[in-house]
Amino acid sequence: MRLMPVLRWLNRRAENILAIMMGVMFVAFITQIVFRYFLNFPTGWTSELSVIMWLWMVLWGAAFVIREDEEIRFDLLFWMVPPAARRVMLIVGGAWLIGLYVFSLPAVVDYVTFMKVQSTAYLKIRFDWLFSIYVFFAVAVICRYAYLVWRAIRGGETRDADPTEASSGL
């Protein structure tokens, strides 16, 4: 399939952006320590930047970086039932999540756009820009679960969990 190399390339770029965010958060954290404990001059912008980077890292990573098999879930019951029941559970649960996110998306967009009236205390970043990552996350969840439900309806695999295949994502 010709689309797979493009998707892999996009996934790598999303990983690169996530790594940059982690680097920014690390530098802000170290700067905060140096200013507070060595220079006795506490700064607020470093703490604010760390929190912003953490928020964006979590939602960016969940939306664009981690794969389905890398997500942490409480799926004990899911793996105890036969494959046909797993497919039904995936279709019902996925359809429910899609419906929930689609139903909430207009209100989320309204709230995020409304937040342009406020900005952060130190860096003066408008809240609509800051919280816009949630809109991308919600759309990514809708797309991901639409694909999973579509694959389950078509009879896609729901292979048994193998704890020996657990990885760190590398």
C-alpha atoms as a PDB file:
ATOM      1  CA  MET A   1       0.000   0.000   0.000  1.00  0.00           C
ATOM      2  CA  ARG A   2       1.454   3.376  -0.995  1.00  0.00           C
ATOM      3  CA  LEU A   3      -0.056   5.185   1.975  1.00  0.00           C
ATOM      4  CA  MET A   4       1.919   3.250   4.604  1.00  0.00           C
ATOM      5  CA  PRO A   5       5.335   4.892   3.935  1.00  0.00           C
ATOM      6  CA  VAL A   6       3.721   8.321   4.176  1.00  0.00           C
ATOM      7  CA  LEU A   7       1.972   7.397   7.444  1.00  0.00           C
ATOM      8  CA  ARG A   8       5.225   6.009   8.876  1.00  0.00           C
ATOM      9  CA  TRP A   9       7.034   9.211   7.896  1.00  0.00           C
ATOM     10  CA  LEU A  10       4.305  11.333   9.537  1.00  0.00           C
ATOM     11  CA  ASN A  11       4.490   9.175  12.664  1.00  0.00           C
ATOM     12  CA  ARG A  12       8.256   9.745  12.865  1.00  0.00           C
ATOM     13  CA  ARG A  13       7.760  13.512  12.539  1.00  0.00           C
ATOM     14  CA  ALA A  14       5.143  13.390  15.300  1.00  0.00           C
ATOM     15  CA  GLU A  15       7.702  11.528  17.441  1.00  0.00           C
ATOM     16  CA  ASN A  16      10.276  14.230  16.619  1.00  0.00           C
ATOM     17  CA  ILE A  17       7.878  16.963  17.728  1.00  0.00           C
ATOM     18  CA  LEU A  18       7.157  15.013  20.927  1.00  0.00           C
ATOM     19  CA  ALA A  19      10.908  14.730  21.593  1.00  0.00           C
ATOM     20  CA  ILE A  20      11.327  18.484  21.063  1.00  0.00           C
ATOM     21  CA  MET A  21       8.520  19.144  23.543  1.00  0.00           C
ATOM     22  CA  MET A  22      10.208  16.848  26.059  1.00  0.00           C
ATOM     23  CA  GLY A  23      13.492  18.695  25.543  1.00  0.00           C
ATOM     24  CA  VAL A  24      11.799  22.068  26.073  1.00  0.00           C
ATOM     25  CA  MET A  25      10.156  20.782  29.242  1.00  0.00           C
ATOM     26  CA  PHE A  26      13.485  19.417  30.519  1.00  0.00           C
ATOM     27  CA  VAL A  27      15.326  22.688  29.838  1.00  0.00           C
ATOM     28  CA  ALA A  28      12.549  24.678  31.549  1.00  0.00           C
ATOM     29  CA  PHE A  29      12.684  22.332  34.538  1.00  0.00           C
ATOM     30  CA  ILE A  30      16.479  22.600  34.891  1.00  0.00           C
ATOM     31  CA  THR A  31      16.277  26.387  34.443  1.00  0.00           C
ATOM     32  CA  GLN A  32      13.687  26.515  37.208  1.00  0.00           C
ATOM     33  CA  ILE A  33      15.972  24.573  39.558  1.00  0.00           C
ATOM     34  CA  VAL A  34      18.994  26.753  38.762  1.00  0.00           C
ATOM     35  CA  PHE A  35      17.090  30.008  39.193  1.00  0.00           C
ATOM     36  CA  ARG A  36      15.311  28.931  42.385  1.00  0.00           C
ATOM     37  CA  TYR A  37      18.028  27.069  44.291  1.00  0.00           C
ATOM     38  CA  PHE A  38      21.295  28.454  42.967  1.00  0.00           C
ATOM     39  CA  LEU A  39      20.432  32.058  42.107  1.00  0.00           C
ATOM     40  CA  ASN A  40      17.680  32.427  44.747  1.00  0.00           C
ATOM     41  CA  PHE A  41      15.491  34.039  42.079  1.00  0.00           C
ATOM     42  CA  PRO A  42      12.310  31.980  41.525  1.00  0.00           C
ATOM     43  CA  THR A  43      10.725  32.335  38.109  1.00  0.00           C
ATOM     44  CA  GLY A  44       7.139  31.546  37.176  1.00  0.00           C
ATOM     45  CA  TRP A  45       7.537  31.194  33.434  1.00  0.00           C
ATOM     46  CA  THR A  46       9.584  28.007  33.780  1.00  0.00           C
ATOM     47  CA  SER A  47       6.866  26.295  35.789  1.00  0.00           C
ATOM     48  CA  GLU A  48       4.204  27.511  33.361  1.00  0.00           C
ATOM     49  CA  LEU A  49       6.203  26.283  30.362  1.00  0.00           C
ATOM     50  CA  SER A  50       6.722  22.874  32.004  1.00  0.00           C
ATOM     51  CA  VAL A  51       2.992  22.464  32.605  1.00  0.00           C
ATOM     52  CA  ILE A  52       2.164  23.541  29.050  1.00  0.00           C
ATOM     53  CA  MET A  53       4.690  21.117  27.588  1.00  0.00           C
ATOM     54  CA  TRP A  54       3.377  18.296  29.776  1.00  0.00           C
ATOM     55  CA  LEU A  55      -0.204  18.954  28.618  1.00  0.00           C
ATOM     56  CA  TRP A  56       0.800  19.067  24.972  1.00  0.00           C
ATOM     57  CA  MET A  57       3.075  16.014  25.285  1.00  0.00           C
ATOM     58  CA  VAL A  58       0.331  13.858  26.761  1.00  0.00           C
ATOM     59  CA  LEU A  59      -2.337  14.820  24.236  1.00  0.00           C
ATOM     60  CA  TRP A  60       0.007  15.006  21.220  1.00  0.00           C
ATOM     61  CA  GLY A  61       1.492  11.627  22.091  1.00  0.00           C
ATOM     62  CA  ALA A  62      -1.904  10.012  22.619  1.00  0.00           C
ATOM     63  CA  ALA A  63      -3.230  11.486  19.375  1.00  0.00           C
ATOM     64  CA  PHE A  64      -0.325  10.995  16.991  1.00  0.00           C
ATOM     65  CA  VAL A  65       2.469   8.863  18.438  1.00  0.00           C
ATOM     66  CA  ILE A  66       1.403   5.815  20.432  1.00  0.00           C
ATOM     67  CA  ARG A  67       0.061   2.808  18.606  1.00  0.00           C
ATOM     68  CA  GLU A  68      -3.057   0.917  19.548  1.00  0.00           C
ATOM     69  CA  ASP A  69      -1.115  -1.962  21.116  1.00  0.00           C
ATOM     70  CA  GLU A  70       0.912   0.455  23.258  1.00  0.00           C
ATOM     71  CA  GLU A  71      -2.054   2.008  25.040  1.00  0.00           C
ATOM     72  CA  ILE A  72      -2.522   1.102  28.675  1.00  0.00           C
ATOM     73  CA  ARG A  73      -5.979  -0.291  29.301  1.00  0.00           C
ATOM     74  CA  PHE A  74      -7.904  -2.327  31.773  1.00  0.00           C
ATOM     75  CA  ASP A  75      -8.761  -5.075  29.310  1.00  0.00           C
ATOM     76  CA  LEU A  76      -8.753  -8.195  31.465  1.00  0.00           C
ATOM     77  CA  LEU A  77     -12.332  -9.073  30.563  1.00  0.00           C
ATOM     78  CA  PHE A  78     -11.690  -8.310  26.880  1.00  0.00           C
ATOM     79  CA  TRP A  79      -9.008 -11.003  26.601  1.00  0.00           C
ATOM     80  CA  MET A  80     -11.030 -13.588  28.552  1.00  0.00           C
ATOM     81  CA  VAL A  81     -13.759 -13.880  25.900  1.00  0.00           C
ATOM     82  CA  PRO A  82     -13.568 -15.574  22.490  1.00  0.00           C
ATOM     83  CA  PRO A  83     -12.515 -13.534  19.409  1.00  0.00           C
ATOM     84  CA  ALA A  84     -16.111 -13.091  18.148  1.00  0.00           C
ATOM     85  CA  ALA A  85     -17.161 -11.568  21.473  1.00  0.00           C
ATOM     86  CA  ARG A  86     -14.060  -9.329  21.434  1.00  0.00           C
ATOM     87  CA  ARG A  87     -15.105  -8.032  18.019  1.00  0.00           C
ATOM     88  CA  VAL A  88     -18.605  -7.254  19.300  1.00  0.00           C
ATOM     89  CA  MET A  89     -17.148  -5.545  22.386  1.00  0.00           C
ATOM     90  CA  LEU A  90     -14.833  -3.507  20.172  1.00  0.00           C
ATOM     91  CA  ILE A  91     -17.660  -2.477  17.846  1.00  0.00           C
ATOM     92  CA  VAL A  92     -20.019  -1.505  20.689  1.00  0.00           C
ATOM     93  CA  GLY A  93     -17.338   0.219  22.789  1.00  0.00           C
ATOM     94  CA  GLY A  94     -15.775   1.950  19.798  1.00  0.00           C
ATOM     95  CA  ALA A  95     -19.131   3.159  18.490  1.00  0.00           C
ATOM     96  CA  TRP A  96     -19.963   4.479  21.958  1.00  0.00           C
ATOM     97  CA  LEU A  97     -16.653   6.376  22.173  1.00  0.00           C
ATOM     98  CA  ILE A  98     -17.048   7.761  18.650  1.00  0.00           C
ATOM     99  CA  GLY A  99     -20.551   8.950  19.520  1.00  0.00           C
ATOM    100  CA  LEU A 100     -19.360  10.539  22.753  1.00  0.00           C
ATOM    101  CA  TYR A 101     -16.484  12.408  21.120  1.00  0.00           C
ATOM    102  CA  VAL A 102     -18.557  13.471  18.080  1.00  0.00           C
ATOM    103  CA  PHE A 103     -21.354  14.681  20.374  1.00  0.00           C
ATOM    104  CA  SER A 104     -18.921  16.678  22.539  1.00  0.00           C
ATOM    105  CA  LEU A 105     -16.782  18.063  19.689  1.00  0.00           C
ATOM    106  CA  PRO A 106     -18.919  21.159  18.876  1.00  0.00           C
ATOM    107  CA  ALA A 107     -18.994  22.170  22.552  1.00  0.00           C
ATOM    108  CA  VAL A 108     -15.248  21.563  22.839  1.00  0.00           C
ATOM    109  CA  VAL A 109     -14.540  23.736  19.792  1.00  0.00           C
ATOM    110  CA  ASP A 110     -16.856  26.459  21.143  1.00  0.00           C
ATOM    111  CA  TYR A 111     -15.128  26.413  24.526  1.00  0.00           C
ATOM    112  CA  VAL A 112     -11.624  26.433  23.058  1.00  0.00           C
ATOM    113  CA  THR A 113     -12.443  29.344  20.759  1.00  0.00           C
ATOM    114  CA  PHE A 114     -14.126  31.188  23.623  1.00  0.00           C
ATOM    115  CA  MET A 115     -10.931  30.913  25.684  1.00  0.00           C
ATOM    116  CA  LYS A 116      -9.186  33.441  23.427  1.00  0.00           C
ATOM    117  CA  VAL A 117     -10.241  36.054  25.977  1.00  0.00           C
ATOM    118  CA  GLN A 118      -7.708  34.768  28.534  1.00  0.00           C
ATOM    119  CA  SER A 119      -3.986  34.107  28.445  1.00  0.00           C
ATOM    120  CA  THR A 120      -1.411  32.516  30.695  1.00  0.00           C
ATOM    121  CA  ALA A 121       0.067  34.558  33.526  1.00  0.00           C
ATOM    122  CA  TYR A 122       3.734  34.640  32.539  1.00  0.00           C
ATOM    123  CA  LEU A 123       4.115  33.678  28.885  1.00  0.00           C
ATOM    124  CA  LYS A 124       0.899  35.416  27.769  1.00  0.00           C
ATOM    125  CA  ILE A 125      -0.119  32.481  25.554  1.00  0.00           C
ATOM    126  CA  ARG A 126      -3.788  32.704  24.664  1.00  0.00           C
ATOM    127  CA  PHE A 127      -5.781  29.843  26.129  1.00  0.00           C
ATOM    128  CA  ASP A 128      -7.413  29.031  22.796  1.00  0.00           C
ATOM    129  CA  TRP A 129      -3.956  28.286  21.380  1.00  0.00           C
ATOM    130  CA  LEU A 130      -2.985  26.401  24.514  1.00  0.00           C
ATOM    131  CA  PHE A 131      -6.089  24.196  24.598  1.00  0.00           C
ATOM    132  CA  SER A 132      -6.342  23.691  20.838  1.00  0.00           C
ATOM    133  CA  ILE A 133      -4.388  20.460  21.213  1.00  0.00           C
ATOM    134  CA  TYR A 134      -7.475  18.875  22.762  1.00  0.00           C
ATOM    135  CA  VAL A 135      -9.447  19.432  19.551  1.00  0.00           C
ATOM    136  CA  PHE A 136      -6.732  17.623  17.580  1.00  0.00           C
ATOM    137  CA  PHE A 137      -6.718  14.859  20.198  1.00  0.00           C
ATOM    138  CA  ALA A 138     -10.506  14.440  20.021  1.00  0.00           C
ATOM    139  CA  VAL A 139     -10.490  14.268  16.215  1.00  0.00           C
ATOM    140  CA  ALA A 140      -7.623  11.759  16.318  1.00  0.00           C
ATOM    141  CA  VAL A 141      -9.569   9.570  18.786  1.00  0.00           C
ATOM    142  CA  ILE A 142     -12.628   9.687  16.531  1.00  0.00           C
ATOM    143  CA  CYS A 143     -10.536   8.668  13.508  1.00  0.00           C
ATOM    144  CA  ARG A 144      -8.666   5.953  15.397  1.00  0.00           C
ATOM    145  CA  TYR A 145     -11.812   4.327  16.752  1.00  0.00           C
ATOM    146  CA  ALA A 146     -13.633   4.684  13.441  1.00  0.00           C
ATOM    147  CA  TYR A 147     -10.793   2.711  11.876  1.00  0.00           C
ATOM    148  CA  LEU A 148     -10.854   0.110  14.670  1.00  0.00           C
ATOM    149  CA  VAL A 149     -14.632  -0.326  14.418  1.00  0.00           C
ATOM    150  CA  TRP A 150     -14.438  -0.557  10.626  1.00  0.00           C
ATOM    151  CA  ARG A 151     -11.691  -3.181  10.919  1.00  0.00           C
ATOM    152  CA  ALA A 152     -13.693  -5.142  13.519  1.00  0.00           C
ATOM    153  CA  ILE A 153     -16.827  -5.080  11.343  1.00  0.00           C
ATOM    154  CA  ARG A 154     -14.791  -6.426   8.438  1.00  0.00           C
ATOM    155  CA  GLY A 155     -13.570  -9.251  10.676  1.00  0.00           C
ATOM    156  CA  GLY A 156     -10.144  -7.866  11.511  1.00  0.00           C
ATOM    157  CA  GLU A 157      -7.945  -9.768  13.917  1.00  0.00           C
ATOM    158  CA  THR A 158      -8.313  -9.578  17.663  1.00  0.00           C
ATOM    159  CA  ARG A 159      -5.433 -11.862  18.465  1.00  0.00           C
ATOM    160  CA  ASP A 160      -4.792 -13.074  21.967  1.00  0.00           C
ATOM    161  CA  ALA A 161      -2.646 -10.923  24.217  1.00  0.00           C
ATOM    162  CA  ASP A 162       0.926 -12.129  24.525  1.00  0.00           C
ATOM    163  CA  PRO A 163       2.740 -10.674  27.559  1.00  0.00           C
ATOM    164  CA  THR A 164       6.083 -11.653  26.028  1.00  0.00           C
ATOM    165  CA  GLU A 165       5.469  -9.137  23.234  1.00  0.00           C
ATOM    166  CA  ALA A 166       5.212  -6.179  25.589  1.00  0.00           C
ATOM    167  CA  SER A 167       7.613  -3.470  24.556  1.00  0.00           C
ATOM    168  CA  SER A 168       8.695   0.026  25.420  1.00  0.00           C
ATOM    169  CA  GLY A 169       7.505   1.243  22.049  1.00  0.00           C
ATOM    170  CA  LEU A 170      10.832   0.930  20.282  1.00  0.00           C
END
